[in-house]
Amino acid sequence: MNSTSVSEAVDRRMSVRGFLPKPVPYDIVREILDKARRAPSGGNVQPWKVNVVAGEALTKFNAIVAEKLQTMEAEPAQYEVYPPKLWEPHRSYRFKTGEDLYALINIPREDKMGRLQQLAKNFQFFGAPVGLFFSLDKKFGPPQWSDVGMYMQTVMLLAIEQGLDTCAQEAWSRYPETIKSFCDLDDDAVVFSGMAMGYRDPDHPLNRLRTDRAALDEFTTFHGFDE
């Protein structure tokens, strides 16, 4: 285990989109998910459900999804990842991230096929040896969705401590029925997000992407402090 401060883990965490073909031991994955149980949960309702796929199970799942990708048809969405007509400045944040990503791998905007091929790599967990799915019951509301997000963030920071990297993937919301069938989830389950986990490939060009963040004073107002 690495000696990593919380601040260092927060700064190091990023969406890694290229992994080494190195297995992650079961005990390490289990330890991360177990420690993450201390994530905040309003009323301690603990709404999260986690399914982990690796090894032969991951190979089988990837093959199922690869077959579905041949048609590029998504399943009925359980929720919208982004609001319709995303407004500023959030629209520009998202647009710039996409442009920066494709620039690193030399795929121009007019190369529609190239961009689709890169998008498809989401659905192979970017080559990661571990895939995770986070779900919750559809009867839960926004507060419990935020609980699941906090659990996921805790997992991602604990992964850094173990020398691992991750990529949270709401893209998996395109295939909720496939995931529910493979993981034997209840009909009432909402597949919130997937997550790739593994060892970062230091030579992969996309792992040079560090997305911009707005300055603190652009989104924060302090009340009652003496400057």
C-alpha atoms as a PDB file:
ATOM      1  CA  MET A   1       0.000   0.000   0.000  1.00  0.00           C
ATOM      2  CA  ASN A   2       1.274   3.475  -0.800  1.00  0.00           C
ATOM      3  CA  SER A   3       1.547   6.192   1.833  1.00  0.00           C
ATOM      4  CA  THR A   4      -0.830   8.746   0.313  1.00  0.00           C
ATOM      5  CA  SER A   5      -2.466  11.733   1.970  1.00  0.00           C
ATOM      6  CA  VAL A   6      -6.101  12.550   1.237  1.00  0.00           C
ATOM      7  CA  SER A   7      -5.012  15.732  -0.554  1.00  0.00           C
ATOM      8  CA  GLU A   8      -2.588  13.758  -2.728  1.00  0.00           C
ATOM      9  CA  ALA A   9      -5.268  11.189  -3.563  1.00  0.00           C
ATOM     10  CA  VAL A  10      -7.756  13.912  -4.539  1.00  0.00           C
ATOM     11  CA  ASP A  11      -5.163  15.572  -6.766  1.00  0.00           C
ATOM     12  CA  ARG A  12      -4.039  12.308  -8.388  1.00  0.00           C
ATOM     13  CA  ARG A  13      -7.547  10.988  -9.069  1.00  0.00           C
ATOM     14  CA  MET A  14      -8.528  11.360 -12.694  1.00  0.00           C
ATOM     15  CA  SER A  15     -10.509   9.511 -15.331  1.00  0.00           C
ATOM     16  CA  VAL A  16      -7.947   6.995 -16.576  1.00  0.00           C
ATOM     17  CA  ARG A  17      -8.752   5.669 -20.049  1.00  0.00           C
ATOM     18  CA  GLY A  18      -5.849   3.308 -20.601  1.00  0.00           C
ATOM     19  CA  PHE A  19      -4.924   0.424 -18.296  1.00  0.00           C
ATOM     20  CA  LEU A  20      -2.157  -2.149 -18.113  1.00  0.00           C
ATOM     21  CA  PRO A  21      -3.162  -5.827 -18.595  1.00  0.00           C
ATOM     22  CA  LYS A  22      -2.204  -6.545 -14.998  1.00  0.00           C
ATOM     23  CA  PRO A  23      -4.759  -8.302 -12.776  1.00  0.00           C
ATOM     24  CA  VAL A  24      -5.894  -6.637  -9.566  1.00  0.00           C
ATOM     25  CA  PRO A  25      -5.927  -9.072  -6.630  1.00  0.00           C
ATOM     26  CA  TYR A  26      -9.347  -9.930  -5.231  1.00  0.00           C
ATOM     27  CA  ASP A  27      -8.235  -9.053  -1.684  1.00  0.00           C
ATOM     28  CA  ILE A  28      -7.338  -5.497  -2.718  1.00  0.00           C
ATOM     29  CA  VAL A  29     -10.662  -4.884  -4.467  1.00  0.00           C
ATOM     30  CA  ARG A  30     -12.522  -6.312  -1.506  1.00  0.00           C
ATOM     31  CA  GLU A  31     -10.554  -4.149   0.948  1.00  0.00           C
ATOM     32  CA  ILE A  32     -11.309  -0.978  -1.032  1.00  0.00           C
ATOM     33  CA  LEU A  33     -15.037  -1.678  -1.212  1.00  0.00           C
ATOM     34  CA  ASP A  34     -15.122  -2.681   2.449  1.00  0.00           C
ATOM     35  CA  LYS A  35     -13.398   0.488   3.669  1.00  0.00           C
ATOM     36  CA  ALA A  36     -15.658   2.616   1.457  1.00  0.00           C
ATOM     37  CA  ARG A  37     -18.632   1.525   3.579  1.00  0.00           C
ATOM     38  CA  ARG A  38     -17.809   4.492   5.818  1.00  0.00           C
ATOM     39  CA  ALA A  39     -18.882   6.891   3.061  1.00  0.00           C
ATOM     40  CA  PRO A  40     -21.601   9.375   4.148  1.00  0.00           C
ATOM     41  CA  SER A  41     -25.192   8.208   3.879  1.00  0.00           C
ATOM     42  CA  GLY A  42     -28.170  10.317   4.920  1.00  0.00           C
ATOM     43  CA  GLY A  43     -30.043   8.524   7.689  1.00  0.00           C
ATOM     44  CA  ASN A  44     -27.554   5.674   7.206  1.00  0.00           C
ATOM     45  CA  VAL A  45     -29.876   4.105   4.616  1.00  0.00           C
ATOM     46  CA  GLN A  46     -26.849   2.920   2.566  1.00  0.00           C
ATOM     47  CA  PRO A  47     -28.677   2.704  -0.792  1.00  0.00           C
ATOM     48  CA  TRP A  48     -25.749   1.460  -2.888  1.00  0.00           C
ATOM     49  CA  LYS A  49     -25.425  -1.939  -4.493  1.00  0.00           C
ATOM     50  CA  VAL A  50     -22.147  -2.969  -6.119  1.00  0.00           C
ATOM     51  CA  ASN A  51     -21.401  -5.679  -8.660  1.00  0.00           C
ATOM     52  CA  VAL A  52     -17.781  -6.436  -9.564  1.00  0.00           C
ATOM     53  CA  VAL A  53     -16.698  -8.301 -12.695  1.00  0.00           C
ATOM     54  CA  ALA A  54     -13.185  -9.547 -13.393  1.00  0.00           C
ATOM     55  CA  GLY A  55     -11.369 -12.502 -14.936  1.00  0.00           C
ATOM     56  CA  GLU A  56     -13.529 -14.895 -16.932  1.00  0.00           C
ATOM     57  CA  ALA A  57     -16.703 -13.040 -15.919  1.00  0.00           C
ATOM     58  CA  LEU A  58     -15.342  -9.805 -17.379  1.00  0.00           C
ATOM     59  CA  THR A  59     -14.267 -11.554 -20.571  1.00  0.00           C
ATOM     60  CA  LYS A  60     -17.750 -12.992 -20.963  1.00  0.00           C
ATOM     61  CA  PHE A  61     -19.441  -9.669 -20.229  1.00  0.00           C
ATOM     62  CA  ASN A  62     -17.194  -7.760 -22.637  1.00  0.00           C
ATOM     63  CA  ALA A  63     -18.066 -10.255 -25.378  1.00  0.00           C
ATOM     64  CA  ILE A  64     -21.797  -9.732 -24.793  1.00  0.00           C
ATOM     65  CA  VAL A  65     -21.434  -5.957 -24.973  1.00  0.00           C
ATOM     66  CA  ALA A  66     -19.144  -6.107 -28.023  1.00  0.00           C
ATOM     67  CA  GLU A  67     -21.886  -7.964 -29.884  1.00  0.00           C
ATOM     68  CA  LYS A  68     -24.430  -5.310 -28.927  1.00  0.00           C
ATOM     69  CA  LEU A  69     -22.072  -2.568 -30.056  1.00  0.00           C
ATOM     70  CA  GLN A  70     -22.243  -3.876 -33.603  1.00  0.00           C
ATOM     71  CA  THR A  71     -25.618  -2.159 -33.934  1.00  0.00           C
ATOM     72  CA  MET A  72     -24.741   0.856 -31.708  1.00  0.00           C
ATOM     73  CA  GLU A  73     -28.307   0.777 -30.427  1.00  0.00           C
ATOM     74  CA  ALA A  74     -28.717   1.820 -26.812  1.00  0.00           C
ATOM     75  CA  GLU A  75     -31.319   0.357 -24.464  1.00  0.00           C
ATOM     76  CA  PRO A  76     -34.070   2.537 -22.952  1.00  0.00           C
ATOM     77  CA  ALA A  77     -32.408   5.008 -20.609  1.00  0.00           C
ATOM     78  CA  GLN A  78     -33.255   4.948 -16.906  1.00  0.00           C
ATOM     79  CA  TYR A  79     -32.150   8.548 -16.463  1.00  0.00           C
ATOM     80  CA  GLU A  80     -30.575  11.436 -18.398  1.00  0.00           C
ATOM     81  CA  VAL A  81     -26.841  11.772 -17.831  1.00  0.00           C
ATOM     82  CA  TYR A  82     -26.933  15.483 -18.764  1.00  0.00           C
ATOM     83  CA  PRO A  83     -29.859  17.917 -18.689  1.00  0.00           C
ATOM     84  CA  PRO A  84     -31.369  18.776 -22.069  1.00  0.00           C
ATOM     85  CA  LYS A  85     -29.930  21.981 -23.534  1.00  0.00           C
ATOM     86  CA  LEU A  86     -27.059  22.155 -21.051  1.00  0.00           C
ATOM     87  CA  TRP A  87     -26.435  25.809 -20.194  1.00  0.00           C
ATOM     88  CA  GLU A  88     -23.322  27.913 -19.742  1.00  0.00           C
ATOM     89  CA  PRO A  89     -20.718  27.676 -18.374  1.00  0.00           C
ATOM     90  CA  HIS A  90     -21.358  23.947 -17.963  1.00  0.00           C
ATOM     91  CA  ARG A  91     -21.864  23.361 -21.676  1.00  0.00           C
ATOM     92  CA  SER A  92     -18.460  24.847 -22.420  1.00  0.00           C
ATOM     93  CA  TYR A  93     -16.802  22.793 -19.668  1.00  0.00           C
ATOM     94  CA  ARG A  94     -18.149  19.614 -21.243  1.00  0.00           C
ATOM     95  CA  PHE A  95     -17.363  20.659 -24.830  1.00  0.00           C
ATOM     96  CA  LYS A  96     -13.742  21.553 -24.018  1.00  0.00           C
ATOM     97  CA  THR A  97     -13.151  18.258 -22.239  1.00  0.00           C
ATOM     98  CA  GLY A  98     -14.292  16.337 -25.305  1.00  0.00           C
ATOM     99  CA  GLU A  99     -12.195  18.411 -27.666  1.00  0.00           C
ATOM    100  CA  ASP A 100      -9.099  18.080 -25.473  1.00  0.00           C
ATOM    101  CA  LEU A 101      -9.591  14.324 -25.243  1.00  0.00           C
ATOM    102  CA  TYR A 102      -9.860  13.735 -28.976  1.00  0.00           C
ATOM    103  CA  ALA A 103      -6.970  16.113 -29.687  1.00  0.00           C
ATOM    104  CA  LEU A 104      -4.653  13.884 -27.632  1.00  0.00           C
ATOM    105  CA  ILE A 105      -5.339  10.963 -29.969  1.00  0.00           C
ATOM    106  CA  ASN A 106      -5.521  13.046 -33.150  1.00  0.00           C
ATOM    107  CA  ILE A 107      -9.189  12.445 -33.942  1.00  0.00           C
ATOM    108  CA  PRO A 108     -10.670  15.598 -35.507  1.00  0.00           C
ATOM    109  CA  ARG A 109     -14.337  16.523 -35.150  1.00  0.00           C
ATOM    110  CA  GLU A 110     -15.113  15.496 -38.742  1.00  0.00           C
ATOM    111  CA  ASP A 111     -13.810  11.947 -38.118  1.00  0.00           C
ATOM    112  CA  LYS A 112     -17.137  10.574 -36.910  1.00  0.00           C
ATOM    113  CA  MET A 113     -16.073   6.936 -37.187  1.00  0.00           C
ATOM    114  CA  GLY A 114     -12.893   7.552 -35.200  1.00  0.00           C
ATOM    115  CA  ARG A 115     -14.874   9.196 -32.438  1.00  0.00           C
ATOM    116  CA  LEU A 116     -17.391   6.364 -32.360  1.00  0.00           C
ATOM    117  CA  GLN A 117     -14.578   3.824 -32.094  1.00  0.00           C
ATOM    118  CA  GLN A 118     -13.113   5.713 -29.156  1.00  0.00           C
ATOM    119  CA  LEU A 119     -16.548   5.969 -27.547  1.00  0.00           C
ATOM    120  CA  ALA A 120     -16.940   2.208 -27.870  1.00  0.00           C
ATOM    121  CA  LYS A 121     -13.869   1.690 -25.665  1.00  0.00           C
ATOM    122  CA  ASN A 122     -15.999   2.880 -22.752  1.00  0.00           C
ATOM    123  CA  PHE A 123     -17.885  -0.381 -23.077  1.00  0.00           C
ATOM    124  CA  GLN A 124     -14.777  -2.499 -22.674  1.00  0.00           C
ATOM    125  CA  PHE A 125     -13.786  -0.588 -19.510  1.00  0.00           C
ATOM    126  CA  PHE A 126     -10.863   0.913 -21.457  1.00  0.00           C
ATOM    127  CA  GLY A 127      -9.043  -2.388 -21.072  1.00  0.00           C
ATOM    128  CA  ALA A 128      -9.203  -2.378 -17.258  1.00  0.00           C
ATOM    129  CA  PRO A 129      -9.019  -5.774 -15.515  1.00  0.00           C
ATOM    130  CA  VAL A 130     -11.867  -4.893 -13.126  1.00  0.00           C
ATOM    131  CA  GLY A 131     -15.283  -3.437 -13.883  1.00  0.00           C
ATOM    132  CA  LEU A 132     -17.728  -2.280 -11.236  1.00  0.00           C
ATOM    133  CA  PHE A 133     -21.412  -1.401 -11.462  1.00  0.00           C
ATOM    134  CA  PHE A 134     -23.180   0.801  -8.922  1.00  0.00           C
ATOM    135  CA  SER A 135     -26.936   0.623  -8.650  1.00  0.00           C
ATOM    136  CA  LEU A 136     -29.787   1.529  -6.324  1.00  0.00           C
ATOM    137  CA  ASP A 137     -33.508   0.902  -6.063  1.00  0.00           C
ATOM    138  CA  LYS A 138     -35.616   3.132  -8.321  1.00  0.00           C
ATOM    139  CA  LYS A 139     -37.762   4.138  -5.321  1.00  0.00           C
ATOM    140  CA  PHE A 140     -34.840   6.111  -3.903  1.00  0.00           C
ATOM    141  CA  GLY A 141     -34.640   9.831  -4.637  1.00  0.00           C
ATOM    142  CA  PRO A 142     -31.920  12.448  -5.269  1.00  0.00           C
ATOM    143  CA  PRO A 143     -30.509  12.330  -1.710  1.00  0.00           C
ATOM    144  CA  GLN A 144     -29.791   8.619  -2.053  1.00  0.00           C
ATOM    145  CA  TRP A 145     -28.307   9.107  -5.538  1.00  0.00           C
ATOM    146  CA  SER A 146     -25.868  11.536  -3.912  1.00  0.00           C
ATOM    147  CA  ASP A 147     -25.047   8.850  -1.334  1.00  0.00           C
ATOM    148  CA  VAL A 148     -24.080   6.461  -4.129  1.00  0.00           C
ATOM    149  CA  GLY A 149     -21.897   9.174  -5.632  1.00  0.00           C
ATOM    150  CA  MET A 150     -20.121   9.670  -2.320  1.00  0.00           C
ATOM    151  CA  TYR A 151     -19.557   5.928  -1.999  1.00  0.00           C
ATOM    152  CA  MET A 152     -18.049   5.896  -5.491  1.00  0.00           C
ATOM    153  CA  GLN A 153     -15.777   8.855  -4.710  1.00  0.00           C
ATOM    154  CA  THR A 154     -14.577   7.075  -1.589  1.00  0.00           C
ATOM    155  CA  VAL A 155     -13.815   3.975  -3.659  1.00  0.00           C
ATOM    156  CA  MET A 156     -11.837   6.049  -6.160  1.00  0.00           C
ATOM    157  CA  LEU A 157      -9.721   7.707  -3.458  1.00  0.00           C
ATOM    158  CA  LEU A 158      -9.055   4.406  -1.693  1.00  0.00           C
ATOM    159  CA  ALA A 159      -7.981   2.947  -5.039  1.00  0.00           C
ATOM    160  CA  ILE A 160      -5.290   5.635  -5.277  1.00  0.00           C
ATOM    161  CA  GLU A 161      -3.996   4.563  -1.873  1.00  0.00           C
ATOM    162  CA  GLN A 162      -3.560   1.061  -3.309  1.00  0.00           C
ATOM    163  CA  GLY A 163      -1.669   2.288  -6.371  1.00  0.00           C
ATOM    164  CA  LEU A 164      -4.697   1.833  -8.622  1.00  0.00           C
ATOM    165  CA  ASP A 165      -6.625   4.169 -10.875  1.00  0.00           C
ATOM    166  CA  THR A 166     -10.245   4.369 -11.946  1.00  0.00           C
ATOM    167  CA  CYS A 167     -12.667   5.882 -14.416  1.00  0.00           C
ATOM    168  CA  ALA A 168     -16.258   6.501 -13.343  1.00  0.00           C
ATOM    169  CA  GLN A 169     -18.482   5.729 -16.324  1.00  0.00           C
ATOM    170  CA  GLU A 170     -22.051   6.978 -16.546  1.00  0.00           C
ATOM    171  CA  ALA A 171     -21.799   5.835 -20.168  1.00  0.00           C
ATOM    172  CA  TRP A 172     -22.960   2.448 -18.923  1.00  0.00           C
ATOM    173  CA  SER A 173     -26.419   3.956 -18.478  1.00  0.00           C
ATOM    174  CA  ARG A 174     -26.819   3.061 -22.186  1.00  0.00           C
ATOM    175  CA  TYR A 175     -27.036  -0.653 -21.347  1.00  0.00           C
ATOM    176  CA  PRO A 176     -29.016  -1.022 -18.107  1.00  0.00           C
ATOM    177  CA  GLU A 177     -30.904  -4.149 -19.138  1.00  0.00           C
ATOM    178  CA  THR A 178     -27.745  -5.964 -20.234  1.00  0.00           C
ATOM    179  CA  ILE A 179     -26.084  -5.151 -16.922  1.00  0.00           C
ATOM    180  CA  LYS A 180     -29.139  -6.078 -14.874  1.00  0.00           C
ATOM    181  CA  SER A 181     -29.431  -9.414 -16.673  1.00  0.00           C
ATOM    182  CA  PHE A 182     -25.742 -10.287 -16.359  1.00  0.00           C
ATOM    183  CA  CYS A 183     -25.501  -9.240 -12.696  1.00  0.00           C
ATOM    184  CA  ASP A 184     -28.910 -10.693 -11.788  1.00  0.00           C
ATOM    185  CA  LEU A 185     -30.217  -7.371 -10.477  1.00  0.00           C
ATOM    186  CA  ASP A 186     -33.821  -6.805  -9.448  1.00  0.00           C
ATOM    187  CA  ASP A 187     -36.263  -5.281 -11.911  1.00  0.00           C
ATOM    188  CA  ASP A 188     -36.470  -2.219  -9.652  1.00  0.00           C
ATOM    189  CA  ALA A 189     -32.724  -1.564  -9.857  1.00  0.00           C
ATOM    190  CA  VAL A 190     -31.372   1.572 -11.517  1.00  0.00           C
ATOM    191  CA  VAL A 191     -27.881   1.183 -12.925  1.00  0.00           C
ATOM    192  CA  PHE A 192     -26.333   4.500 -11.952  1.00  0.00           C
ATOM    193  CA  SER A 193     -22.755   4.110 -13.147  1.00  0.00           C
ATOM    194  CA  GLY A 194     -19.960   1.778 -14.039  1.00  0.00           C
ATOM    195  CA  MET A 195     -16.327   2.136 -13.073  1.00  0.00           C
ATOM    196  CA  ALA A 196     -13.115   0.856 -14.612  1.00  0.00           C
ATOM    197  CA  MET A 197     -10.390  -0.054 -12.116  1.00  0.00           C
ATOM    198  CA  GLY A 198      -6.825  -1.166 -12.655  1.00  0.00           C
ATOM    199  CA  TYR A 199      -3.229  -0.078 -13.046  1.00  0.00           C
ATOM    200  CA  ARG A 200      -2.696   3.039 -15.138  1.00  0.00           C
ATOM    201  CA  ASP A 201      -0.822   2.690 -18.428  1.00  0.00           C
ATOM    202  CA  PRO A 202       1.665   5.584 -18.104  1.00  0.00           C
ATOM    203  CA  ASP A 203       2.271   5.636 -21.867  1.00  0.00           C
ATOM    204  CA  HIS A 204      -1.347   5.904 -22.991  1.00  0.00           C
ATOM    205  CA  PRO A 205      -1.911   9.359 -24.526  1.00  0.00           C
ATOM    206  CA  LEU A 206      -5.351   9.829 -22.975  1.00  0.00           C
ATOM    207  CA  ASN A 207      -3.834   9.543 -19.521  1.00  0.00           C
ATOM    208  CA  ARG A 208      -2.187  12.911 -20.134  1.00  0.00           C
ATOM    209  CA  LEU A 209      -5.605  14.563 -20.005  1.00  0.00           C
ATOM    210  CA  ARG A 210      -6.127  16.678 -16.913  1.00  0.00           C
ATOM    211  CA  THR A 211      -9.466  18.420 -17.192  1.00  0.00           C
ATOM    212  CA  ASP A 212      -9.736  22.058 -16.204  1.00  0.00           C
ATOM    213  CA  ARG A 213     -11.608  23.162 -13.095  1.00  0.00           C
ATOM    214  CA  ALA A 214     -13.213  26.539 -12.487  1.00  0.00           C
ATOM    215  CA  ALA A 215     -11.464  28.780  -9.985  1.00  0.00           C
ATOM    216  CA  LEU A 216     -12.822  28.553  -6.436  1.00  0.00           C
ATOM    217  CA  ASP A 217     -14.260  32.065  -6.442  1.00  0.00           C
ATOM    218  CA  GLU A 218     -16.300  31.308  -9.563  1.00  0.00           C
ATOM    219  CA  PHE A 219     -18.588  28.942  -7.672  1.00  0.00           C
ATOM    220  CA  THR A 220     -18.109  29.780  -3.975  1.00  0.00           C
ATOM    221  CA  THR A 221     -19.436  32.625  -1.819  1.00  0.00           C
ATOM    222  CA  PHE A 222     -18.120  32.987   1.733  1.00  0.00           C
ATOM    223  CA  HIS A 223     -20.347  34.458   4.421  1.00  0.00           C
ATOM    224  CA  GLY A 224     -19.227  35.718   7.811  1.00  0.00           C
ATOM    225  CA  PHE A 225     -15.455  35.266   7.466  1.00  0.00           C
ATOM    226  CA  ASP A 226     -12.911  37.983   8.167  1.00  0.00           C
ATOM    227  CA  GLU A 227     -10.486  38.079   5.222  1.00  0.00           C
END
